[in-house]
Amino acid sequence: MEKNLNEFTYQKLKKDIMTFVLVPGEAISAAKIAERYGVSRTPAREAIVKLQKEGLVDIYPQSKSLVSWINMERIRQEWYVRYTLEICMAERFVRRITQDTIWAMERNLRRMEQTCDQAGDNLYLELDHEFHDLIYDTAGEFLAKEIIHTQVTHYNRIRYLTDQAPFVREKTISEHRQLIGAARKKDEGLFEECLKVHIGRLSMDLQMLKERYPEYFAPE
């Protein structure tokens, strides 16, 4: 029961930070989190400590805890980690593709298309993550997937902001469709090139986001 409460609190707090329900710089405390999610202070404290390790909370001893500001240098490093991991596993993924993999990717794509126009809907971004999880799972790279979910946190907050724009969602869906086409052909070279284009377009919009949400970013 205690373990379930800890995980529940951690997941709820993380989701609220990742989707800007709790914004960068906002003060949080065990008491506030406990009240927010209807739990005791113990799982609230543990969630805060765990999210500090993931770079989402800054703890100032004897003072306060804050939702971390988005750090541009950390985004760059996290993007490099994701790019390197996914490109390196492209060959293994293509070798291990089954028809079930293709069907799962196609089902995911249809659901993304259905939610594309629903602004502010967290389901779209969850489906985007799920699509890439299929690549990690098929390749058998479970540790790499865990790293992406727990350490690529500033980059994923940026993905949430950029994915609110319909034209970005449409571009993502188009690129996912191309990845499925390459996977269906079992064309390793084509799949890798599609992946490079897809992940490589990190930050055309970073400057725009900094101008639109300056309060979310750490000073450089």
N, C-alpha and C. Protein backbone atom coordinates (compact mmCIF):
# COMPACT_ATOMS: atom_id res chain seq x y z
N MET A 1 0.83 -1.21 0.00
CA MET A 1 0.00 0.00 0.00
C MET A 1 0.86 1.26 0.00
N GLU A 2 1.87 1.28 0.90
CA GLU A 2 2.76 2.44 0.99
C GLU A 2 3.51 2.66 -0.32
N LYS A 3 3.98 1.55 -0.91
CA LYS A 3 4.70 1.63 -2.18
C LYS A 3 3.80 2.20 -3.27
N ASN A 4 2.54 1.77 -3.30
CA ASN A 4 1.59 2.27 -4.29
C ASN A 4 1.33 3.76 -4.11
N LEU A 5 1.22 4.20 -2.86
CA LEU A 5 1.01 5.63 -2.58
C LEU A 5 2.21 6.45 -3.01
N ASN A 6 3.40 5.93 -2.76
CA ASN A 6 4.62 6.63 -3.17
C ASN A 6 4.64 6.81 -4.69
N GLU A 7 4.34 5.73 -5.41
CA GLU A 7 4.36 5.78 -6.87
C GLU A 7 3.25 6.70 -7.39
N PHE A 8 2.08 6.62 -6.80
CA PHE A 8 0.96 7.48 -7.19
C PHE A 8 1.34 8.96 -7.05
N THR A 9 1.90 9.31 -5.90
CA THR A 9 2.26 10.70 -5.64
C THR A 9 3.35 11.17 -6.59
N TYR A 10 4.35 10.33 -6.78
CA TYR A 10 5.44 10.65 -7.70
C TYR A 10 4.92 10.88 -9.12
N GLN A 11 4.07 9.98 -9.60
CA GLN A 11 3.56 10.09 -10.97
C GLN A 11 2.67 11.33 -11.13
N LYS A 12 1.83 11.60 -10.15
CA LYS A 12 0.95 12.77 -10.23
C LYS A 12 1.75 14.07 -10.22
N LEU A 13 2.72 14.15 -9.32
CA LEU A 13 3.53 15.36 -9.23
C LEU A 13 4.36 15.55 -10.50
N LYS A 14 4.94 14.47 -10.99
CA LYS A 14 5.74 14.57 -12.21
C LYS A 14 4.89 15.03 -13.39
N LYS A 15 3.72 14.45 -13.54
CA LYS A 15 2.85 14.84 -14.65
C LYS A 15 2.46 16.30 -14.56
N ASP A 16 2.16 16.79 -13.36
CA ASP A 16 1.78 18.19 -13.20
C ASP A 16 2.93 19.13 -13.53
N ILE A 17 4.16 18.70 -13.25
CA ILE A 17 5.33 19.51 -13.61
C ILE A 17 5.58 19.45 -15.11
N MET A 18 5.51 18.25 -15.68
CA MET A 18 5.81 18.07 -17.09
C MET A 18 4.79 18.78 -17.99
N THR A 19 3.57 18.96 -17.50
CA THR A 19 2.52 19.59 -18.31
C THR A 19 2.22 21.02 -17.87
N PHE A 20 3.08 21.58 -17.02
CA PHE A 20 3.02 22.99 -16.62
C PHE A 20 1.76 23.33 -15.83
N VAL A 21 1.14 22.33 -15.21
CA VAL A 21 0.13 22.63 -14.20
C VAL A 21 0.84 23.30 -13.02
N LEU A 22 2.03 22.77 -12.69
CA LEU A 22 2.95 23.43 -11.76
C LEU A 22 4.07 24.01 -12.60
N VAL A 23 4.24 25.31 -12.56
CA VAL A 23 5.14 25.98 -13.51
C VAL A 23 6.53 26.15 -12.91
N PRO A 24 7.55 26.30 -13.76
CA PRO A 24 8.91 26.53 -13.28
C PRO A 24 8.97 27.71 -12.31
N GLY A 25 9.68 27.50 -11.21
CA GLY A 25 9.81 28.52 -10.19
C GLY A 25 8.74 28.49 -9.12
N GLU A 26 7.72 27.65 -9.30
CA GLU A 26 6.64 27.58 -8.31
C GLU A 26 7.12 26.82 -7.07
N ALA A 27 6.82 27.37 -5.91
CA ALA A 27 7.22 26.74 -4.65
C ALA A 27 6.33 25.54 -4.36
N ILE A 28 6.97 24.45 -3.93
CA ILE A 28 6.23 23.27 -3.52
C ILE A 28 6.78 22.81 -2.17
N SER A 29 5.98 22.09 -1.44
CA SER A 29 6.41 21.56 -0.14
C SER A 29 5.69 20.24 0.09
N ALA A 30 6.20 19.46 1.05
CA ALA A 30 5.56 18.19 1.36
C ALA A 30 4.11 18.43 1.81
N ALA A 31 3.90 19.48 2.58
CA ALA A 31 2.54 19.78 3.06
C ALA A 31 1.61 20.12 1.90
N LYS A 32 2.11 20.95 0.99
CA LYS A 32 1.30 21.37 -0.16
C LYS A 32 0.98 20.19 -1.07
N ILE A 33 1.98 19.35 -1.32
CA ILE A 33 1.79 18.19 -2.20
C ILE A 33 0.86 17.17 -1.54
N ALA A 34 1.03 16.96 -0.24
CA ALA A 34 0.17 16.02 0.49
C ALA A 34 -1.29 16.44 0.39
N GLU A 35 -1.53 17.73 0.58
CA GLU A 35 -2.91 18.24 0.50
C GLU A 35 -3.44 18.14 -0.93
N ARG A 36 -2.60 18.45 -1.89
CA ARG A 36 -3.01 18.45 -3.30
C ARG A 36 -3.50 17.08 -3.76
N TYR A 37 -2.79 16.03 -3.34
CA TYR A 37 -3.10 14.69 -3.84
C TYR A 37 -3.77 13.79 -2.79
N GLY A 38 -4.06 14.36 -1.63
CA GLY A 38 -4.76 13.59 -0.61
C GLY A 38 -3.95 12.46 -0.02
N VAL A 39 -2.66 12.72 0.21
CA VAL A 39 -1.77 11.69 0.77
C VAL A 39 -1.09 12.27 2.01
N SER A 40 -0.31 11.43 2.69
CA SER A 40 0.44 11.92 3.85
C SER A 40 1.72 12.61 3.37
N ARG A 41 2.45 13.19 4.30
CA ARG A 41 3.66 13.93 3.92
C ARG A 41 4.81 13.01 3.51
N THR A 42 4.80 11.76 3.96
CA THR A 42 5.91 10.87 3.62
C THR A 42 6.01 10.62 2.12
N PRO A 43 4.96 10.16 1.43
CA PRO A 43 5.08 9.99 -0.02
C PRO A 43 5.30 11.32 -0.75
N ALA A 44 4.78 12.41 -0.19
CA ALA A 44 5.01 13.72 -0.80
C ALA A 44 6.49 14.08 -0.76
N ARG A 45 7.12 13.88 0.41
CA ARG A 45 8.56 14.17 0.53
C ARG A 45 9.38 13.29 -0.40
N GLU A 46 9.03 12.00 -0.47
CA GLU A 46 9.78 11.08 -1.32
C GLU A 46 9.65 11.44 -2.80
N ALA A 47 8.47 11.89 -3.19
CA ALA A 47 8.26 12.31 -4.59
C ALA A 47 9.13 13.52 -4.92
N ILE A 48 9.20 14.47 -4.00
CA ILE A 48 10.01 15.67 -4.23
C ILE A 48 11.48 15.30 -4.37
N VAL A 49 11.98 14.43 -3.50
CA VAL A 49 13.39 14.00 -3.57
C VAL A 49 13.67 13.25 -4.87
N LYS A 50 12.75 12.38 -5.26
CA LYS A 50 12.94 11.60 -6.49
C LYS A 50 12.96 12.52 -7.71
N LEU A 51 12.11 13.52 -7.71
CA LEU A 51 12.05 14.44 -8.86
C LEU A 51 13.23 15.41 -8.86
N GLN A 52 13.83 15.63 -7.68
CA GLN A 52 15.08 16.40 -7.67
C GLN A 52 16.15 15.64 -8.46
N LYS A 53 16.20 14.32 -8.27
CA LYS A 53 17.19 13.51 -8.98
C LYS A 53 16.95 13.50 -10.49
N GLU A 54 15.72 13.76 -10.89
CA GLU A 54 15.39 13.80 -12.31
C GLU A 54 15.50 15.21 -12.89
N GLY A 55 15.91 16.17 -12.06
CA GLY A 55 16.12 17.53 -12.54
C GLY A 55 14.87 18.37 -12.63
N LEU A 56 13.79 17.93 -12.01
CA LEU A 56 12.53 18.67 -12.10
C LEU A 56 12.22 19.51 -10.87
N VAL A 57 12.95 19.29 -9.80
CA VAL A 57 12.76 20.06 -8.56
C VAL A 57 14.12 20.51 -8.05
N ASP A 58 14.18 21.76 -7.60
CA ASP A 58 15.38 22.29 -6.94
C ASP A 58 15.06 22.40 -5.45
N ILE A 59 15.87 21.74 -4.63
CA ILE A 59 15.67 21.77 -3.18
C ILE A 59 16.73 22.67 -2.54
N TYR A 60 16.27 23.65 -1.79
CA TYR A 60 17.17 24.54 -1.05
C TYR A 60 17.03 24.20 0.44
N PRO A 61 18.01 23.50 1.02
CA PRO A 61 17.90 23.03 2.41
C PRO A 61 17.58 24.17 3.37
N GLN A 62 16.72 23.88 4.32
CA GLN A 62 16.30 24.84 5.34
C GLN A 62 15.59 26.06 4.74
N SER A 63 15.19 25.95 3.49
CA SER A 63 14.54 27.09 2.85
C SER A 63 13.26 26.65 2.14
N LYS A 64 13.40 26.18 0.89
CA LYS A 64 12.21 25.85 0.11
C LYS A 64 12.58 24.91 -1.03
N SER A 65 11.57 24.37 -1.67
CA SER A 65 11.74 23.57 -2.88
C SER A 65 10.95 24.24 -4.00
N LEU A 66 11.54 24.28 -5.18
CA LEU A 66 10.90 24.93 -6.32
C LEU A 66 10.87 23.98 -7.51
N VAL A 67 9.84 24.09 -8.33
CA VAL A 67 9.86 23.44 -9.64
C VAL A 67 11.01 24.05 -10.43
N SER A 68 11.87 23.23 -11.00
CA SER A 68 13.08 23.75 -11.65
C SER A 68 12.73 24.55 -12.90
N TRP A 69 13.51 25.60 -13.13
CA TRP A 69 13.42 26.33 -14.38
C TRP A 69 14.02 25.49 -15.50
N ILE A 70 13.58 25.72 -16.72
CA ILE A 70 14.11 24.98 -17.86
C ILE A 70 15.50 25.51 -18.19
N ASN A 71 16.45 24.60 -18.30
CA ASN A 71 17.85 24.96 -18.51
C ASN A 71 18.26 24.62 -19.93
N MET A 72 18.72 25.63 -20.68
CA MET A 72 19.03 25.45 -22.10
C MET A 72 20.19 24.47 -22.31
N GLU A 73 21.20 24.54 -21.46
CA GLU A 73 22.34 23.63 -21.62
C GLU A 73 21.91 22.20 -21.31
N ARG A 74 21.04 22.03 -20.33
CA ARG A 74 20.55 20.68 -20.05
C ARG A 74 19.71 20.15 -21.21
N ILE A 75 18.91 21.01 -21.83
CA ILE A 75 18.14 20.60 -23.01
C ILE A 75 19.08 20.07 -24.08
N ARG A 76 20.16 20.82 -24.34
CA ARG A 76 21.11 20.41 -25.38
C ARG A 76 21.69 19.04 -25.07
N GLN A 77 22.09 18.82 -23.81
CA GLN A 77 22.69 17.54 -23.44
C GLN A 77 21.66 16.40 -23.48
N GLU A 78 20.44 16.68 -23.04
CA GLU A 78 19.40 15.65 -23.07
C GLU A 78 19.05 15.28 -24.51
N TRP A 79 18.98 16.29 -25.37
CA TRP A 79 18.71 16.01 -26.78
C TRP A 79 19.80 15.11 -27.34
N TYR A 80 21.05 15.38 -27.00
CA TYR A 80 22.17 14.57 -27.49
C TYR A 80 22.03 13.12 -27.03
N VAL A 81 21.63 12.93 -25.77
CA VAL A 81 21.43 11.58 -25.24
C VAL A 81 20.35 10.86 -26.03
N ARG A 82 19.22 11.52 -26.22
CA ARG A 82 18.12 10.87 -26.95
C ARG A 82 18.51 10.56 -28.39
N TYR A 83 19.10 11.54 -29.06
CA TYR A 83 19.50 11.35 -30.46
C TYR A 83 20.46 10.17 -30.60
N THR A 84 21.46 10.14 -29.74
CA THR A 84 22.47 9.07 -29.81
C THR A 84 21.85 7.70 -29.55
N LEU A 85 21.03 7.61 -28.51
CA LEU A 85 20.43 6.32 -28.17
C LEU A 85 19.52 5.79 -29.28
N GLU A 86 18.65 6.65 -29.80
CA GLU A 86 17.69 6.16 -30.79
C GLU A 86 18.36 5.85 -32.13
N ILE A 87 19.33 6.65 -32.53
CA ILE A 87 20.03 6.36 -33.79
C ILE A 87 20.81 5.06 -33.67
N CYS A 88 21.45 4.87 -32.52
CA CYS A 88 22.26 3.65 -32.32
C CYS A 88 21.41 2.39 -32.30
N MET A 89 20.15 2.50 -31.90
CA MET A 89 19.33 1.29 -31.82
C MET A 89 18.53 1.03 -33.10
N ALA A 90 18.67 1.89 -34.11
CA ALA A 90 17.88 1.74 -35.34
C ALA A 90 18.11 0.39 -35.99
N GLU A 91 19.38 -0.02 -36.10
CA GLU A 91 19.69 -1.30 -36.74
C GLU A 91 19.04 -2.46 -35.99
N ARG A 92 19.18 -2.46 -34.67
CA ARG A 92 18.62 -3.54 -33.85
C ARG A 92 17.09 -3.56 -33.95
N PHE A 93 16.50 -2.38 -33.96
CA PHE A 93 15.04 -2.29 -34.10
C PHE A 93 14.57 -2.91 -35.41
N VAL A 94 15.20 -2.51 -36.52
CA VAL A 94 14.77 -3.01 -37.83
C VAL A 94 14.94 -4.52 -37.92
N ARG A 95 16.02 -5.04 -37.34
CA ARG A 95 16.25 -6.49 -37.39
C ARG A 95 15.18 -7.27 -36.62
N ARG A 96 14.59 -6.63 -35.60
CA ARG A 96 13.67 -7.36 -34.72
C ARG A 96 12.20 -7.03 -34.97
N ILE A 97 11.91 -6.25 -36.00
CA ILE A 97 10.53 -5.89 -36.31
C ILE A 97 9.70 -7.13 -36.64
N THR A 98 8.47 -7.15 -36.13
CA THR A 98 7.50 -8.17 -36.52
C THR A 98 6.26 -7.46 -37.07
N GLN A 99 5.36 -8.23 -37.61
CA GLN A 99 4.11 -7.63 -38.09
C GLN A 99 3.33 -7.00 -36.94
N ASP A 100 3.44 -7.59 -35.76
CA ASP A 100 2.77 -7.02 -34.59
C ASP A 100 3.32 -5.63 -34.27
N THR A 101 4.63 -5.45 -34.47
CA THR A 101 5.24 -4.13 -34.25
C THR A 101 4.62 -3.11 -35.18
N ILE A 102 4.52 -3.45 -36.46
CA ILE A 102 3.95 -2.53 -37.45
C ILE A 102 2.51 -2.20 -37.09
N TRP A 103 1.73 -3.21 -36.73
CA TRP A 103 0.32 -2.96 -36.36
C TRP A 103 0.23 -2.03 -35.16
N ALA A 104 1.10 -2.24 -34.17
CA ALA A 104 1.08 -1.39 -32.97
C ALA A 104 1.43 0.05 -33.33
N MET A 105 2.40 0.24 -34.21
CA MET A 105 2.78 1.59 -34.64
C MET A 105 1.64 2.25 -35.42
N GLU A 106 0.97 1.48 -36.25
CA GLU A 106 -0.14 2.03 -37.04
C GLU A 106 -1.32 2.39 -36.15
N ARG A 107 -1.61 1.57 -35.16
CA ARG A 107 -2.69 1.89 -34.20
C ARG A 107 -2.37 3.18 -33.46
N ASN A 108 -1.12 3.30 -33.04
CA ASN A 108 -0.68 4.51 -32.33
C ASN A 108 -0.85 5.73 -33.23
N LEU A 109 -0.45 5.61 -34.49
CA LEU A 109 -0.55 6.74 -35.42
C LEU A 109 -2.00 7.17 -35.62
N ARG A 110 -2.90 6.21 -35.74
CA ARG A 110 -4.32 6.55 -35.91
C ARG A 110 -4.84 7.33 -34.70
N ARG A 111 -4.43 6.92 -33.52
CA ARG A 111 -4.87 7.62 -32.31
C ARG A 111 -4.26 9.03 -32.25
N MET A 112 -3.02 9.18 -32.69
CA MET A 112 -2.41 10.51 -32.73
C MET A 112 -3.17 11.41 -33.70
N GLU A 113 -3.56 10.87 -34.83
CA GLU A 113 -4.33 11.65 -35.81
C GLU A 113 -5.67 12.09 -35.22
N GLN A 114 -6.28 11.23 -34.42
CA GLN A 114 -7.58 11.55 -33.82
C GLN A 114 -7.47 12.64 -32.76
N THR A 115 -6.32 12.75 -32.11
CA THR A 115 -6.15 13.75 -31.03
C THR A 115 -5.38 14.98 -31.49
N CYS A 116 -5.01 15.02 -32.76
CA CYS A 116 -4.14 16.09 -33.27
C CYS A 116 -4.72 17.48 -33.03
N ASP A 117 -6.04 17.62 -33.18
CA ASP A 117 -6.67 18.94 -33.08
C ASP A 117 -7.14 19.29 -31.68
N GLN A 118 -6.88 18.42 -30.72
CA GLN A 118 -7.36 18.66 -29.36
C GLN A 118 -6.29 19.38 -28.55
N ALA A 119 -6.26 20.69 -28.67
CA ALA A 119 -5.24 21.51 -28.00
C ALA A 119 -5.30 21.30 -26.49
N GLY A 120 -4.12 21.20 -25.89
CA GLY A 120 -4.04 21.04 -24.44
C GLY A 120 -4.32 19.63 -23.96
N ASP A 121 -4.56 18.71 -24.91
CA ASP A 121 -4.84 17.32 -24.53
C ASP A 121 -3.53 16.58 -24.29
N ASN A 122 -3.32 16.11 -23.07
CA ASN A 122 -2.07 15.42 -22.75
C ASN A 122 -1.95 14.08 -23.46
N LEU A 123 -3.07 13.53 -23.93
CA LEU A 123 -3.05 12.22 -24.58
C LEU A 123 -2.15 12.22 -25.80
N TYR A 124 -2.15 13.33 -26.55
CA TYR A 124 -1.33 13.38 -27.76
C TYR A 124 0.14 13.15 -27.44
N LEU A 125 0.65 13.86 -26.44
CA LEU A 125 2.06 13.71 -26.09
C LEU A 125 2.34 12.32 -25.51
N GLU A 126 1.39 11.77 -24.76
CA GLU A 126 1.56 10.41 -24.24
C GLU A 126 1.67 9.41 -25.39
N LEU A 127 0.88 9.63 -26.45
CA LEU A 127 0.95 8.75 -27.62
C LEU A 127 2.27 8.91 -28.36
N ASP A 128 2.78 10.14 -28.39
CA ASP A 128 4.09 10.38 -29.00
C ASP A 128 5.17 9.60 -28.26
N HIS A 129 5.15 9.67 -26.94
CA HIS A 129 6.10 8.89 -26.13
C HIS A 129 5.91 7.39 -26.37
N GLU A 130 4.66 6.96 -26.45
CA GLU A 130 4.36 5.54 -26.64
C GLU A 130 4.92 5.04 -27.97
N PHE A 131 4.84 5.87 -29.01
CA PHE A 131 5.38 5.50 -30.33
C PHE A 131 6.87 5.20 -30.22
N HIS A 132 7.60 6.09 -29.54
CA HIS A 132 9.05 5.88 -29.41
C HIS A 132 9.36 4.74 -28.45
N ASP A 133 8.49 4.52 -27.46
CA ASP A 133 8.67 3.36 -26.58
C ASP A 133 8.63 2.06 -27.37
N LEU A 134 7.80 2.01 -28.42
CA LEU A 134 7.74 0.82 -29.27
C LEU A 134 9.09 0.53 -29.92
N ILE A 135 9.81 1.59 -30.26
CA ILE A 135 11.14 1.41 -30.85
C ILE A 135 12.10 0.83 -29.82
N TYR A 136 12.10 1.41 -28.61
CA TYR A 136 12.97 0.90 -27.54
C TYR A 136 12.62 -0.54 -27.18
N ASP A 137 11.32 -0.82 -27.03
CA ASP A 137 10.90 -2.16 -26.61
C ASP A 137 11.24 -3.20 -27.67
N THR A 138 10.99 -2.87 -28.93
CA THR A 138 11.28 -3.82 -30.00
C THR A 138 12.78 -4.09 -30.10
N ALA A 139 13.57 -3.05 -29.91
CA ALA A 139 15.03 -3.21 -29.94
C ALA A 139 15.55 -3.90 -28.69
N GLY A 140 14.71 -4.01 -27.65
CA GLY A 140 15.14 -4.63 -26.40
C GLY A 140 16.02 -3.73 -25.56
N GLU A 141 15.93 -2.41 -25.80
CA GLU A 141 16.79 -1.45 -25.08
C GLU A 141 16.00 -0.83 -23.93
N PHE A 142 15.76 -1.62 -22.90
CA PHE A 142 14.90 -1.18 -21.80
C PHE A 142 15.60 -0.18 -20.88
N LEU A 143 16.89 -0.33 -20.69
CA LEU A 143 17.62 0.64 -19.87
C LEU A 143 17.64 2.00 -20.55
N ALA A 144 17.84 2.00 -21.86
CA ALA A 144 17.82 3.26 -22.61
C ALA A 144 16.46 3.94 -22.46
N LYS A 145 15.39 3.16 -22.52
CA LYS A 145 14.04 3.74 -22.36
C LYS A 145 13.88 4.35 -20.98
N GLU A 146 14.39 3.67 -19.96
CA GLU A 146 14.29 4.20 -18.59
C GLU A 146 15.05 5.52 -18.47
N ILE A 147 16.21 5.60 -19.10
CA ILE A 147 17.00 6.84 -19.07
C ILE A 147 16.21 7.98 -19.70
N ILE A 148 15.57 7.71 -20.84
CA ILE A 148 14.80 8.73 -21.53
C ILE A 148 13.64 9.21 -20.65
N HIS A 149 12.98 8.30 -19.97
CA HIS A 149 11.82 8.67 -19.17
C HIS A 149 12.19 9.40 -17.88
N THR A 150 13.37 9.12 -17.34
CA THR A 150 13.71 9.69 -16.03
C THR A 150 14.74 10.81 -16.08
N GLN A 151 15.50 10.93 -17.16
CA GLN A 151 16.57 11.92 -17.19
C GLN A 151 16.41 12.98 -18.29
N VAL A 152 15.57 12.70 -19.28
CA VAL A 152 15.42 13.67 -20.38
C VAL A 152 14.19 14.53 -20.07
N THR A 153 14.25 15.24 -18.95
CA THR A 153 13.07 15.91 -18.41
C THR A 153 12.91 17.34 -18.90
N HIS A 154 13.98 18.08 -19.03
CA HIS A 154 13.88 19.46 -19.52
C HIS A 154 13.52 19.44 -21.01
N TYR A 155 14.14 18.55 -21.75
CA TYR A 155 13.84 18.39 -23.17
C TYR A 155 12.38 17.99 -23.37
N ASN A 156 11.87 17.10 -22.54
CA ASN A 156 10.48 16.66 -22.69
C ASN A 156 9.49 17.75 -22.30
N ARG A 157 9.88 18.65 -21.40
CA ARG A 157 8.99 19.79 -21.12
C ARG A 157 8.90 20.71 -22.33
N ILE A 158 10.02 20.87 -23.03
CA ILE A 158 10.01 21.66 -24.26
C ILE A 158 9.13 20.99 -25.31
N ARG A 159 9.22 19.66 -25.40
CA ARG A 159 8.36 18.93 -26.35
C ARG A 159 6.89 19.19 -26.05
N TYR A 160 6.54 19.25 -24.78
CA TYR A 160 5.14 19.51 -24.42
C TYR A 160 4.71 20.88 -24.93
N LEU A 161 5.55 21.89 -24.75
CA LEU A 161 5.19 23.25 -25.18
C LEU A 161 5.09 23.34 -26.70
N THR A 162 6.07 22.77 -27.41
CA THR A 162 6.05 22.88 -28.87
C THR A 162 4.90 22.07 -29.47
N ASP A 163 4.55 20.96 -28.84
CA ASP A 163 3.49 20.10 -29.39
C ASP A 163 2.10 20.68 -29.20
N GLN A 164 1.98 21.84 -28.56
CA GLN A 164 0.68 22.48 -28.47
C GLN A 164 0.29 23.14 -29.80
N ALA A 165 1.27 23.37 -30.67
CA ALA A 165 1.00 24.01 -31.96
C ALA A 165 0.52 22.96 -32.97
N PRO A 166 -0.64 23.18 -33.62
CA PRO A 166 -1.16 22.20 -34.58
C PRO A 166 -0.19 21.85 -35.70
N PHE A 167 0.56 22.84 -36.21
CA PHE A 167 1.46 22.55 -37.33
C PHE A 167 2.61 21.64 -36.89
N VAL A 168 3.02 21.74 -35.62
CA VAL A 168 4.06 20.85 -35.10
C VAL A 168 3.51 19.43 -34.98
N ARG A 169 2.29 19.31 -34.49
CA ARG A 169 1.67 17.99 -34.38
C ARG A 169 1.53 17.33 -35.76
N GLU A 170 1.12 18.11 -36.74
CA GLU A 170 0.97 17.56 -38.09
C GLU A 170 2.31 17.09 -38.64
N LYS A 171 3.36 17.86 -38.37
CA LYS A 171 4.70 17.49 -38.81
C LYS A 171 5.15 16.20 -38.13
N THR A 172 4.90 16.09 -36.84
CA THR A 172 5.26 14.87 -36.10
C THR A 172 4.55 13.65 -36.67
N ILE A 173 3.26 13.79 -36.92
CA ILE A 173 2.48 12.68 -37.48
C ILE A 173 3.02 12.27 -38.84
N SER A 174 3.36 13.25 -39.67
CA SER A 174 3.93 12.95 -40.99
C SER A 174 5.24 12.18 -40.86
N GLU A 175 6.08 12.60 -39.93
CA GLU A 175 7.37 11.92 -39.74
C GLU A 175 7.19 10.53 -39.15
N HIS A 176 6.22 10.36 -38.27
CA HIS A 176 5.93 9.02 -37.75
C HIS A 176 5.45 8.10 -38.88
N ARG A 177 4.66 8.67 -39.78
CA ARG A 177 4.18 7.88 -40.92
C ARG A 177 5.36 7.41 -41.77
N GLN A 178 6.34 8.29 -41.97
CA GLN A 178 7.53 7.92 -42.75
C GLN A 178 8.35 6.84 -42.03
N LEU A 179 8.43 6.94 -40.71
CA LEU A 179 9.15 5.92 -39.94
C LEU A 179 8.47 4.56 -40.06
N ILE A 180 7.14 4.56 -40.04
CA ILE A 180 6.41 3.30 -40.20
C ILE A 180 6.66 2.72 -41.59
N GLY A 181 6.68 3.59 -42.61
CA GLY A 181 6.95 3.12 -43.96
C GLY A 181 8.31 2.46 -44.07
N ALA A 182 9.32 3.07 -43.46
CA ALA A 182 10.67 2.50 -43.48
C ALA A 182 10.72 1.20 -42.69
N ALA A 183 10.00 1.16 -41.57
CA ALA A 183 9.96 -0.07 -40.75
C ALA A 183 9.28 -1.20 -41.52
N ARG A 184 8.21 -0.86 -42.23
CA ARG A 184 7.49 -1.89 -42.99
C ARG A 184 8.38 -2.50 -44.06
N LYS A 185 9.24 -1.67 -44.66
CA LYS A 185 10.17 -2.16 -45.69
C LYS A 185 11.38 -2.86 -45.08
N LYS A 186 11.53 -2.73 -43.77
CA LYS A 186 12.72 -3.23 -43.07
C LYS A 186 13.99 -2.64 -43.69
N ASP A 187 13.90 -1.35 -44.00
CA ASP A 187 15.02 -0.63 -44.62
C ASP A 187 15.75 0.13 -43.51
N GLU A 188 16.84 -0.44 -43.05
CA GLU A 188 17.57 0.14 -41.92
C GLU A 188 18.07 1.55 -42.23
N GLY A 189 18.67 1.72 -43.43
CA GLY A 189 19.22 3.03 -43.79
C GLY A 189 18.14 4.09 -43.85
N LEU A 190 17.01 3.77 -44.45
CA LEU A 190 15.90 4.72 -44.56
C LEU A 190 15.32 5.03 -43.19
N PHE A 191 15.17 4.00 -42.35
CA PHE A 191 14.63 4.22 -41.01
C PHE A 191 15.54 5.15 -40.22
N GLU A 192 16.83 4.93 -40.31
CA GLU A 192 17.78 5.77 -39.57
C GLU A 192 17.73 7.21 -40.06
N GLU A 193 17.64 7.41 -41.38
CA GLU A 193 17.58 8.76 -41.93
C GLU A 193 16.30 9.47 -41.48
N CYS A 194 15.18 8.75 -41.51
CA CYS A 194 13.91 9.33 -41.05
C CYS A 194 13.99 9.72 -39.57
N LEU A 195 14.65 8.88 -38.79
CA LEU A 195 14.81 9.14 -37.36
C LEU A 195 15.68 10.37 -37.13
N LYS A 196 16.75 10.50 -37.91
CA LYS A 196 17.64 11.66 -37.78
C LYS A 196 16.88 12.96 -38.05
N VAL A 197 16.06 12.94 -39.09
CA VAL A 197 15.27 14.14 -39.41
C VAL A 197 14.28 14.43 -38.29
N HIS A 198 13.63 13.38 -37.82
CA HIS A 198 12.57 13.54 -36.81
C HIS A 198 13.12 14.07 -35.49
N ILE A 199 14.17 13.46 -34.98
CA ILE A 199 14.73 13.90 -33.70
C ILE A 199 15.58 15.16 -33.88
N GLY A 200 16.13 15.32 -35.09
CA GLY A 200 17.06 16.42 -35.32
C GLY A 200 16.44 17.79 -35.34
N ARG A 201 15.12 17.87 -35.46
CA ARG A 201 14.50 19.19 -35.53
C ARG A 201 14.16 19.73 -34.14
N LEU A 202 15.10 19.49 -33.21
CA LEU A 202 14.85 19.93 -31.83
C LEU A 202 14.43 21.37 -31.75
N SER A 203 15.22 22.27 -32.23
CA SER A 203 15.02 23.54 -31.61
C SER A 203 14.90 24.71 -32.49
N MET A 204 14.22 24.43 -33.56
CA MET A 204 13.91 25.60 -34.34
C MET A 204 13.06 26.55 -33.52
N ASP A 205 12.29 26.01 -32.57
CA ASP A 205 11.33 26.85 -31.86
C ASP A 205 11.79 27.25 -30.46
N LEU A 206 13.02 26.89 -30.10
CA LEU A 206 13.48 27.19 -28.74
C LEU A 206 13.48 28.69 -28.45
N GLN A 207 14.00 29.47 -29.40
CA GLN A 207 14.07 30.91 -29.18
C GLN A 207 12.67 31.51 -29.06
N MET A 208 11.76 31.02 -29.91
CA MET A 208 10.38 31.48 -29.85
C MET A 208 9.77 31.18 -28.48
N LEU A 209 10.04 29.98 -27.97
CA LEU A 209 9.51 29.60 -26.67
C LEU A 209 10.10 30.45 -25.55
N LYS A 210 11.39 30.76 -25.66
CA LYS A 210 12.03 31.61 -24.65
C LYS A 210 11.41 32.99 -24.64
N GLU A 211 11.06 33.49 -25.82
CA GLU A 211 10.45 34.82 -25.91
C GLU A 211 9.01 34.80 -25.40
N ARG A 212 8.33 33.69 -25.64
CA ARG A 212 6.93 33.59 -25.24
C ARG A 212 6.77 33.29 -23.75
N TYR A 213 7.68 32.46 -23.22
CA TYR A 213 7.60 32.05 -21.81
C TYR A 213 8.92 32.35 -21.09
N PRO A 214 9.35 33.60 -21.04
CA PRO A 214 10.67 33.88 -20.43
C PRO A 214 10.75 33.45 -18.97
N GLU A 215 9.61 33.44 -18.29
CA GLU A 215 9.60 33.09 -16.86
C GLU A 215 9.84 31.61 -16.62
N TYR A 216 9.78 30.78 -17.67
CA TYR A 216 10.00 29.34 -17.52
C TYR A 216 11.47 28.95 -17.60
N PHE A 217 12.31 29.86 -18.09
CA PHE A 217 13.70 29.50 -18.40
C PHE A 217 14.68 30.07 -17.37
N ALA A 218 15.69 29.26 -17.06
CA ALA A 218 16.76 29.72 -16.17
C ALA A 218 17.60 30.75 -16.91
N PRO A 219 18.10 31.78 -16.22
CA PRO A 219 18.98 32.75 -16.87
C PRO A 219 20.25 32.06 -17.35
N GLU A 220 20.73 32.46 -18.51
CA GLU A 220 21.94 31.83 -19.08
C GLU A 220 23.18 32.57 -18.61
